[in-house]
Protein backbone atom coordinates (compact mmCIF):
# COMPACT_ATOMS: atom_id res chain seq x y z
CA MET A 1 -62.22 -111.06 -139.57
CA THR A 2 -66.52 -111.83 -139.26
CA ALA A 3 -68.07 -114.05 -141.64
CA THR A 4 -70.05 -112.49 -144.62
CA HIS A 5 -73.45 -112.98 -144.19
CA SER A 6 -76.75 -111.54 -145.65
CA THR A 7 -78.04 -108.17 -144.06
CA PRO A 8 -81.75 -109.10 -142.50
CA SER A 9 -84.45 -108.07 -145.00
CA THR A 10 -86.85 -106.33 -142.33
CA GLY A 11 -85.72 -104.05 -139.48
CA SER A 12 -82.54 -104.01 -140.42
CA PRO A 13 -80.09 -101.71 -138.26
CA ARG A 14 -78.89 -98.41 -139.70
CA THR A 15 -74.96 -98.55 -140.52
CA THR A 16 -72.61 -96.32 -141.13
CA GLY A 17 -69.99 -96.34 -143.92
CA SER A 18 -68.01 -98.73 -142.47
CA GLY A 19 -71.02 -100.94 -141.80
CA GLU A 20 -71.19 -100.72 -138.17
CA SER A 21 -74.54 -100.22 -136.86
CA THR A 22 -75.10 -96.87 -135.20
CA GLY A 23 -76.64 -97.48 -132.12
CA SER A 24 -79.08 -95.30 -130.26
CA GLY A 25 -79.23 -92.29 -133.09
CA GLU A 26 -77.44 -89.35 -131.98
CA SER A 27 -75.76 -90.77 -128.77
CA SER A 28 -73.56 -92.87 -131.35
CA GLY A 29 -70.00 -91.52 -131.05
CA SER A 30 -66.43 -92.18 -129.96
CA SER A 31 -67.78 -94.04 -126.59
CA ARG A 32 -68.92 -96.42 -129.05
CA LYS A 33 -67.02 -99.72 -128.87
CA PRO A 34 -66.88 -101.76 -131.70
CA ILE A 35 -67.87 -105.89 -131.88
CA GLY A 36 -67.67 -107.49 -134.59
CA SER A 37 -69.48 -105.25 -137.17
CA LEU A 38 -71.35 -104.09 -134.47
CA SER A 39 -70.99 -101.14 -132.07
CA VAL A 40 -72.17 -100.86 -128.74
CA SER A 41 -72.21 -98.43 -125.48
CA PRO A 42 -69.83 -98.62 -122.51
CA LEU A 43 -72.25 -100.13 -120.42
CA SER A 44 -74.53 -103.38 -121.29
CA LEU A 45 -77.72 -103.50 -119.33
CA GLY A 46 -78.40 -106.95 -118.08
CA GLY A 47 -82.20 -108.12 -118.32
CA ASN A 48 -81.97 -111.24 -115.84
CA VAL A 49 -84.09 -108.76 -113.69
CA PHE A 50 -87.03 -108.33 -116.32
CA GLY A 51 -89.58 -110.59 -115.65
CA TRP A 52 -88.22 -111.48 -112.21
CA THR A 53 -87.60 -109.18 -109.74
CA ALA A 54 -88.72 -106.33 -112.17
CA ASP A 55 -92.18 -106.51 -113.43
CA GLU A 56 -92.84 -104.97 -117.38
CA ALA A 57 -94.17 -102.04 -116.46
CA THR A 58 -90.81 -100.97 -114.27
CA SER A 59 -88.71 -103.03 -117.09
CA PHE A 60 -89.76 -100.28 -119.24
CA ALA A 61 -89.49 -97.72 -117.71
CA VAL A 62 -85.63 -98.76 -117.22
CA LEU A 63 -85.23 -99.77 -120.60
CA ASP A 64 -86.57 -96.62 -121.40
CA ALA A 65 -84.43 -94.75 -119.08
CA TYR A 66 -81.26 -96.81 -120.41
CA VAL A 67 -81.64 -95.70 -123.84
CA ALA A 68 -82.48 -92.26 -122.88
CA GLY A 69 -79.13 -92.35 -121.45
CA GLY A 70 -77.34 -92.97 -124.36
CA GLY A 71 -77.15 -97.12 -123.85
CA ASN A 72 -78.00 -99.38 -126.66
CA PHE A 73 -76.47 -102.75 -125.94
CA ILE A 74 -79.40 -104.99 -124.33
CA ASP A 75 -78.41 -108.50 -122.86
CA THR A 76 -80.54 -111.52 -122.20
CA ALA A 77 -80.99 -115.05 -122.36
CA ASP A 78 -83.36 -117.59 -123.20
CA ALA A 79 -83.27 -118.94 -119.75
CA TYR A 80 -84.26 -115.82 -118.15
CA SER A 81 -85.73 -116.55 -115.41
CA TYR A 82 -86.73 -120.15 -115.55
CA TRP A 83 -85.29 -120.74 -111.74
CA VAL A 84 -88.19 -118.56 -110.39
CA PRO A 85 -91.28 -120.06 -109.45
CA GLY A 86 -94.22 -120.16 -111.98
CA ASN A 87 -91.66 -118.91 -114.77
CA LYS A 88 -90.41 -121.31 -117.38
CA GLY A 89 -87.72 -119.09 -119.33
CA GLY A 90 -87.71 -116.53 -122.10
CA GLU A 91 -89.52 -114.02 -119.79
CA SER A 92 -87.16 -111.45 -119.94
CA GLU A 93 -86.74 -111.76 -123.71
CA THR A 94 -90.65 -111.98 -123.58
CA VAL A 95 -90.41 -108.59 -121.85
CA ILE A 96 -88.23 -107.08 -124.12
CA GLY A 97 -89.77 -108.09 -127.10
CA ASN A 98 -92.91 -106.22 -126.04
CA TRP A 99 -90.80 -103.20 -125.20
CA LEU A 100 -89.18 -103.29 -128.96
CA ALA A 101 -92.60 -103.42 -130.13
CA SER A 102 -94.18 -101.07 -128.44
CA ARG A 103 -91.44 -98.58 -128.41
CA GLY A 104 -90.45 -99.26 -132.73
CA ASN A 105 -86.54 -98.59 -132.00
CA ARG A 106 -85.56 -102.14 -132.92
CA SER A 107 -82.87 -100.99 -135.58
CA ASP A 108 -81.60 -98.19 -132.62
CA VAL A 109 -80.44 -101.21 -130.21
CA VAL A 110 -77.92 -103.70 -129.91
CA ILE A 111 -79.98 -106.88 -128.90
CA ALA A 112 -78.06 -109.76 -127.28
CA THR A 113 -79.59 -113.27 -126.09
CA LYS A 114 -78.16 -116.95 -125.69
CA VAL A 115 -78.79 -120.26 -126.24
CA GLY A 116 -77.93 -123.72 -124.56
CA ALA A 117 -78.96 -123.19 -120.96
CA LEU A 118 -82.49 -123.61 -120.92
CA PRO A 119 -83.69 -126.65 -118.91
CA ASP A 120 -86.24 -127.66 -122.04
CA ASP A 121 -83.99 -126.56 -124.99
CA LYS A 122 -80.49 -127.55 -123.06
CA GLY A 123 -77.14 -128.06 -124.82
CA LEU A 124 -75.91 -126.79 -128.40
CA SER A 125 -76.68 -129.74 -130.86
CA PRO A 126 -77.57 -128.25 -134.44
CA ALA A 127 -81.46 -129.13 -133.68
CA THR A 128 -81.45 -127.16 -130.32
CA ILE A 129 -79.70 -124.42 -131.70
CA LYS A 130 -82.62 -124.36 -134.40
CA SER A 131 -85.73 -124.52 -132.20
CA ALA A 132 -84.39 -122.47 -129.41
CA VAL A 133 -83.09 -119.02 -131.89
CA ASP A 134 -86.79 -119.37 -133.81
CA ALA A 135 -88.15 -119.17 -130.16
CA SER A 136 -85.88 -116.39 -129.40
CA LEU A 137 -86.44 -114.67 -132.19
CA THR A 138 -90.72 -115.05 -131.64
CA ARG A 139 -90.33 -113.62 -128.13
CA LEU A 140 -87.90 -111.04 -128.90
CA ARG A 141 -90.44 -109.88 -131.55
CA THR A 142 -87.86 -109.48 -133.90
CA ASP A 143 -86.33 -111.30 -137.50
CA TYR A 144 -82.66 -111.27 -136.37
CA ILE A 145 -80.44 -111.30 -133.25
CA ASP A 146 -77.28 -108.95 -133.04
CA LEU A 147 -75.34 -111.05 -131.01
CA TYR A 148 -75.94 -115.07 -130.13
CA TYR A 149 -73.92 -116.75 -127.35
CA THR A 150 -73.70 -119.89 -126.48
CA HIS A 151 -74.31 -119.57 -123.09
CA TYR A 152 -72.39 -122.27 -121.77
CA ASP A 153 -69.65 -124.75 -123.79
CA ASP A 154 -71.31 -128.22 -124.53
CA GLU A 155 -68.49 -130.56 -124.71
CA SER A 156 -71.20 -133.31 -126.14
CA VAL A 157 -70.79 -131.50 -129.33
CA GLU A 158 -67.99 -131.27 -131.43
CA VAL A 159 -67.26 -127.94 -132.60
CA PRO A 160 -67.20 -127.94 -136.26
CA GLU A 161 -71.22 -128.93 -135.56
CA PHE A 162 -72.40 -126.33 -133.78
CA LEU A 163 -70.49 -124.03 -135.19
CA THR A 164 -71.78 -124.72 -138.19
CA ALA A 165 -75.33 -124.74 -136.90
CA LEU A 166 -74.25 -121.66 -135.77
CA ASP A 167 -72.78 -120.16 -139.53
CA ASP A 168 -76.39 -121.37 -140.99
CA LEU A 169 -77.92 -119.03 -138.50
CA VAL A 170 -75.76 -115.99 -139.83
CA ARG A 171 -76.24 -116.72 -143.38
CA ALA A 172 -79.93 -117.12 -143.15
CA GLY A 173 -79.60 -113.04 -141.95
CA LYS A 174 -81.18 -114.48 -137.85
CA VAL A 175 -78.19 -113.55 -136.30
CA ARG A 176 -75.33 -110.68 -137.10
CA GLU A 177 -72.54 -112.25 -134.71
CA ILE A 178 -71.80 -114.70 -132.83
CA ALA A 179 -70.12 -115.19 -129.52
CA ALA A 180 -69.23 -117.60 -126.62
CA SER A 181 -69.73 -117.65 -122.73
CA ASN A 182 -68.41 -119.71 -120.07
CA ILE A 183 -66.16 -121.83 -122.30
CA SER A 184 -62.24 -123.07 -121.56
CA ALA A 185 -59.45 -121.31 -123.10
CA GLN A 186 -58.66 -124.55 -125.14
CA ARG A 187 -62.36 -125.05 -126.42
CA LEU A 188 -62.29 -121.32 -127.40
CA GLU A 189 -58.85 -121.42 -128.93
CA GLU A 190 -60.15 -125.10 -130.91
CA SER A 191 -63.55 -122.89 -131.96
CA LEU A 192 -61.51 -120.34 -133.18
CA THR A 193 -59.11 -122.17 -135.24
CA CYS A 194 -62.34 -124.38 -136.83
CA SER A 195 -63.95 -121.30 -137.78
CA ALA A 196 -61.07 -120.03 -139.54
CA ARG A 197 -59.76 -123.01 -141.23
CA GLU A 198 -63.62 -124.01 -142.77
CA GLY A 199 -64.61 -120.24 -143.41
CA LEU A 200 -67.48 -120.61 -140.98
CA ALA A 201 -68.81 -117.56 -138.74
CA ARG A 202 -66.81 -116.71 -135.76
CA TYR A 203 -66.63 -115.93 -132.44
CA VAL A 204 -66.20 -111.86 -132.24
CA ALA A 205 -66.91 -111.99 -128.40
CA LEU A 206 -66.14 -113.65 -125.30
CA GLN A 207 -68.55 -113.20 -121.94
CA PRO A 208 -66.85 -114.40 -118.83
CA HIS A 209 -67.47 -114.31 -115.04
CA TYR A 210 -65.13 -111.30 -114.57
CA ASN A 211 -65.14 -108.27 -111.64
CA LEU A 212 -62.84 -107.17 -109.05
CA VAL A 213 -63.66 -109.51 -106.31
CA SER A 214 -63.73 -112.67 -109.09
CA ARG A 215 -60.56 -112.32 -111.19
CA ASP A 216 -59.49 -115.85 -111.64
CA THR A 217 -61.82 -117.43 -113.99
CA TYR A 218 -61.26 -114.60 -117.08
CA GLU A 219 -57.32 -113.19 -116.38
CA GLY A 220 -55.04 -115.72 -117.51
CA GLU A 221 -55.08 -118.14 -120.36
CA LEU A 222 -58.70 -117.32 -121.58
CA ALA A 223 -58.18 -113.45 -121.42
CA GLU A 224 -54.79 -114.45 -123.58
CA VAL A 225 -57.36 -116.12 -126.04
CA ALA A 226 -59.43 -113.13 -126.50
CA ALA A 227 -56.51 -110.86 -126.86
CA ARG A 228 -54.89 -112.87 -129.72
CA HIS A 229 -57.88 -113.09 -131.38
CA GLY A 230 -59.20 -110.11 -130.75
CA LEU A 231 -62.15 -111.00 -128.96
CA ALA A 232 -64.20 -108.18 -127.24
CA ALA A 233 -64.92 -109.42 -123.48
CA VAL A 234 -68.05 -108.26 -122.37
CA PRO A 235 -68.14 -109.26 -118.38
CA TYR A 236 -70.95 -110.69 -116.43
CA PHE A 237 -71.38 -110.24 -112.88
CA SER A 238 -69.81 -106.89 -113.16
CA LEU A 239 -71.02 -105.77 -109.83
CA ALA A 240 -70.57 -108.89 -108.10
CA ALA A 241 -74.30 -109.67 -107.54
CA GLY A 242 -74.29 -105.98 -105.94
CA PHE A 243 -71.35 -106.38 -103.67
CA LEU A 244 -69.25 -103.73 -105.53
CA THR A 245 -72.23 -101.54 -105.20
CA GLY A 246 -71.22 -101.08 -101.51
CA LYS A 247 -74.57 -101.80 -100.27
CA TYR A 248 -73.49 -104.82 -98.44
CA ARG A 249 -71.32 -104.05 -95.75
CA PRO A 250 -70.94 -105.98 -91.88
CA GLY A 251 -74.21 -105.07 -90.20
CA THR A 252 -76.56 -104.36 -93.05
CA ASP A 253 -79.53 -106.30 -94.12
CA VAL A 254 -80.26 -105.65 -98.00
CA ASP A 255 -83.66 -106.47 -99.75
CA SER A 256 -82.57 -108.22 -102.33
CA ALA A 257 -83.10 -111.36 -104.65
CA ARG A 258 -79.41 -111.51 -104.71
CA SER A 259 -78.22 -110.58 -101.27
CA GLY A 260 -77.57 -114.43 -100.77
CA ARG A 261 -74.74 -114.70 -103.34
CA ALA A 262 -73.36 -111.43 -102.53
CA ALA A 263 -73.03 -111.92 -99.03
CA GLN A 264 -70.04 -114.62 -99.87
CA TYR A 265 -68.11 -111.51 -100.33
CA VAL A 266 -69.10 -109.67 -97.07
CA ASN A 267 -66.31 -109.55 -93.87
CA THR A 268 -63.91 -111.28 -96.36
CA ASP A 269 -60.06 -109.93 -96.31
CA ARG A 270 -60.59 -109.20 -100.18
CA GLY A 271 -63.65 -108.06 -100.16
CA ASN A 272 -62.78 -105.49 -97.49
CA ARG A 273 -59.64 -104.05 -99.21
CA VAL A 274 -61.61 -104.02 -102.29
CA LEU A 275 -64.87 -101.76 -101.01
CA GLN A 276 -62.16 -99.35 -99.07
CA ALA A 277 -60.09 -99.07 -102.26
CA LEU A 278 -63.27 -98.28 -103.89
CA ASP A 279 -64.47 -95.82 -101.38
CA THR A 280 -61.27 -94.20 -101.57
CA VAL A 281 -61.35 -93.60 -105.36
CA ALA A 282 -65.36 -92.93 -105.56
CA THR A 283 -64.48 -90.06 -103.46
CA ALA A 284 -62.08 -88.84 -105.24
CA HIS A 285 -64.31 -89.21 -108.63
CA GLU A 286 -67.49 -87.73 -106.46
CA ALA A 287 -69.14 -91.01 -108.19
CA GLU A 288 -70.80 -94.45 -106.47
CA PRO A 289 -68.82 -97.33 -105.57
CA ALA A 290 -70.80 -99.15 -108.50
CA THR A 291 -69.38 -96.75 -111.11
CA VAL A 292 -65.53 -97.43 -109.93
CA ALA A 293 -66.00 -100.73 -109.89
CA LEU A 294 -67.79 -100.76 -113.41
CA ALA A 295 -64.68 -98.19 -114.86
CA TRP A 296 -62.17 -100.53 -113.70
CA LEU A 297 -63.55 -103.06 -115.83
CA ALA A 298 -64.01 -101.01 -118.84
CA ALA A 299 -60.22 -100.04 -118.49
CA GLN A 300 -58.60 -103.72 -118.52
CA PRO A 301 -57.40 -105.29 -121.75
CA THR A 302 -60.28 -106.96 -124.24
CA VAL A 303 -63.30 -105.60 -122.13
CA ALA A 304 -65.62 -103.81 -124.47
CA ALA A 305 -68.27 -103.29 -122.14
CA PRO A 306 -69.63 -104.67 -118.73
CA ILE A 307 -72.92 -105.74 -118.24
CA ALA A 308 -75.15 -104.81 -115.37
CA SER A 309 -78.51 -104.84 -114.43
CA ALA A 310 -80.95 -102.40 -112.85
CA ARG A 311 -84.43 -103.57 -111.33
CA THR A 312 -85.17 -99.71 -110.69
CA VAL A 313 -84.55 -96.15 -112.42
CA GLU A 314 -82.95 -94.96 -109.41
CA GLN A 315 -80.49 -98.01 -110.23
CA LEU A 316 -79.37 -96.68 -113.63
CA PRO A 317 -77.36 -93.29 -113.48
CA ALA A 318 -74.05 -94.86 -111.48
CA LEU A 319 -74.28 -97.90 -113.99
CA LEU A 320 -74.68 -95.22 -116.86
CA ALA A 321 -71.88 -93.58 -115.53
CA VAL A 322 -69.05 -95.72 -116.43
CA GLY A 323 -68.43 -93.86 -119.58
CA GLU A 324 -68.09 -90.58 -117.32
CA VAL A 325 -65.14 -91.69 -115.38
CA ALA A 326 -61.41 -92.07 -116.43
CA LEU A 327 -59.36 -93.75 -113.77
CA THR A 328 -56.09 -92.99 -113.29
CA GLU A 329 -52.72 -94.88 -113.26
CA ALA A 330 -52.71 -95.05 -109.42
CA GLU A 331 -56.44 -95.35 -108.95
CA LEU A 332 -56.31 -98.44 -111.14
CA ARG A 333 -53.20 -99.86 -109.45
CA LEU A 334 -54.98 -99.22 -106.12
CA LEU A 335 -57.92 -101.20 -107.05
CA GLY A 336 -55.92 -104.14 -108.69
CA GLU A 337 -53.45 -104.47 -105.64
CA ALA A 338 -56.81 -104.47 -103.16
CA SER A 339 -58.25 -107.38 -105.57
CA ALA A 340 -55.63 -109.57 -106.25
């Protein structure tokens, strides 16, 4: 059970009788998935491209189209996108905050952001967490964050120390739920045990690196901890930096800032097997390979909503369609065997 905390006094989400945020208005229905007290759409929109490969006007258009298509779950981090020349981090949050302010729709969306990876605010010390959350709230132009991730574990800080700091944020109404990313199974188990023992806010979600060509990081011990404690998985790199869209194939040249990362899968036995299986299943469903790759993830135990980003409105339909494609057992087996 999640820790009890006060509801933010300003701009707080609408709730149903069960206490769950209704999400984006009329679209909230059986397709929504629970993450703690939150209710989210089948696709989480990745905000890493906002302020990087998508300028503010394009980002606004993508966000508008995502919400219009039934989405309500937006993922970002304070560190996005410090790696870009001229950026210092916080650019994505700023774009999203400006969009929220201009649209007046804060209560209709679930905003997830992260702490601990920004070079000038690195780690999980209580002081860092306190300063980082206030900076994120300012950039997001809101008084609460729905889902707050520890971006990377910081083993120099004892578990009770950073959990107490996160619990303080929940009790203050600055954060509704907490989650973890890039954490070992052992530290995750220790964190959940500590929360239960000390009565502190507990992780309700886990954001692992997980997709059809990268399964080893999550499957196994980490997934077992998540399942045992009822955590929802929200995978990042769901499309393997774009490789699983099918546009990166031998002999092709893709104009993308992430083409270097995607290239590692091209011309590999596993990559070729997966693309062939994706093509087969996509043809059967008259769907895009990206949709099928996301649908495979969505069908995995513990997965609530895979994350995928779009730098143009035209890229969105294939991502949003994840909630419309139901893979058969034979198709799941074909994809699973190809990616093994």
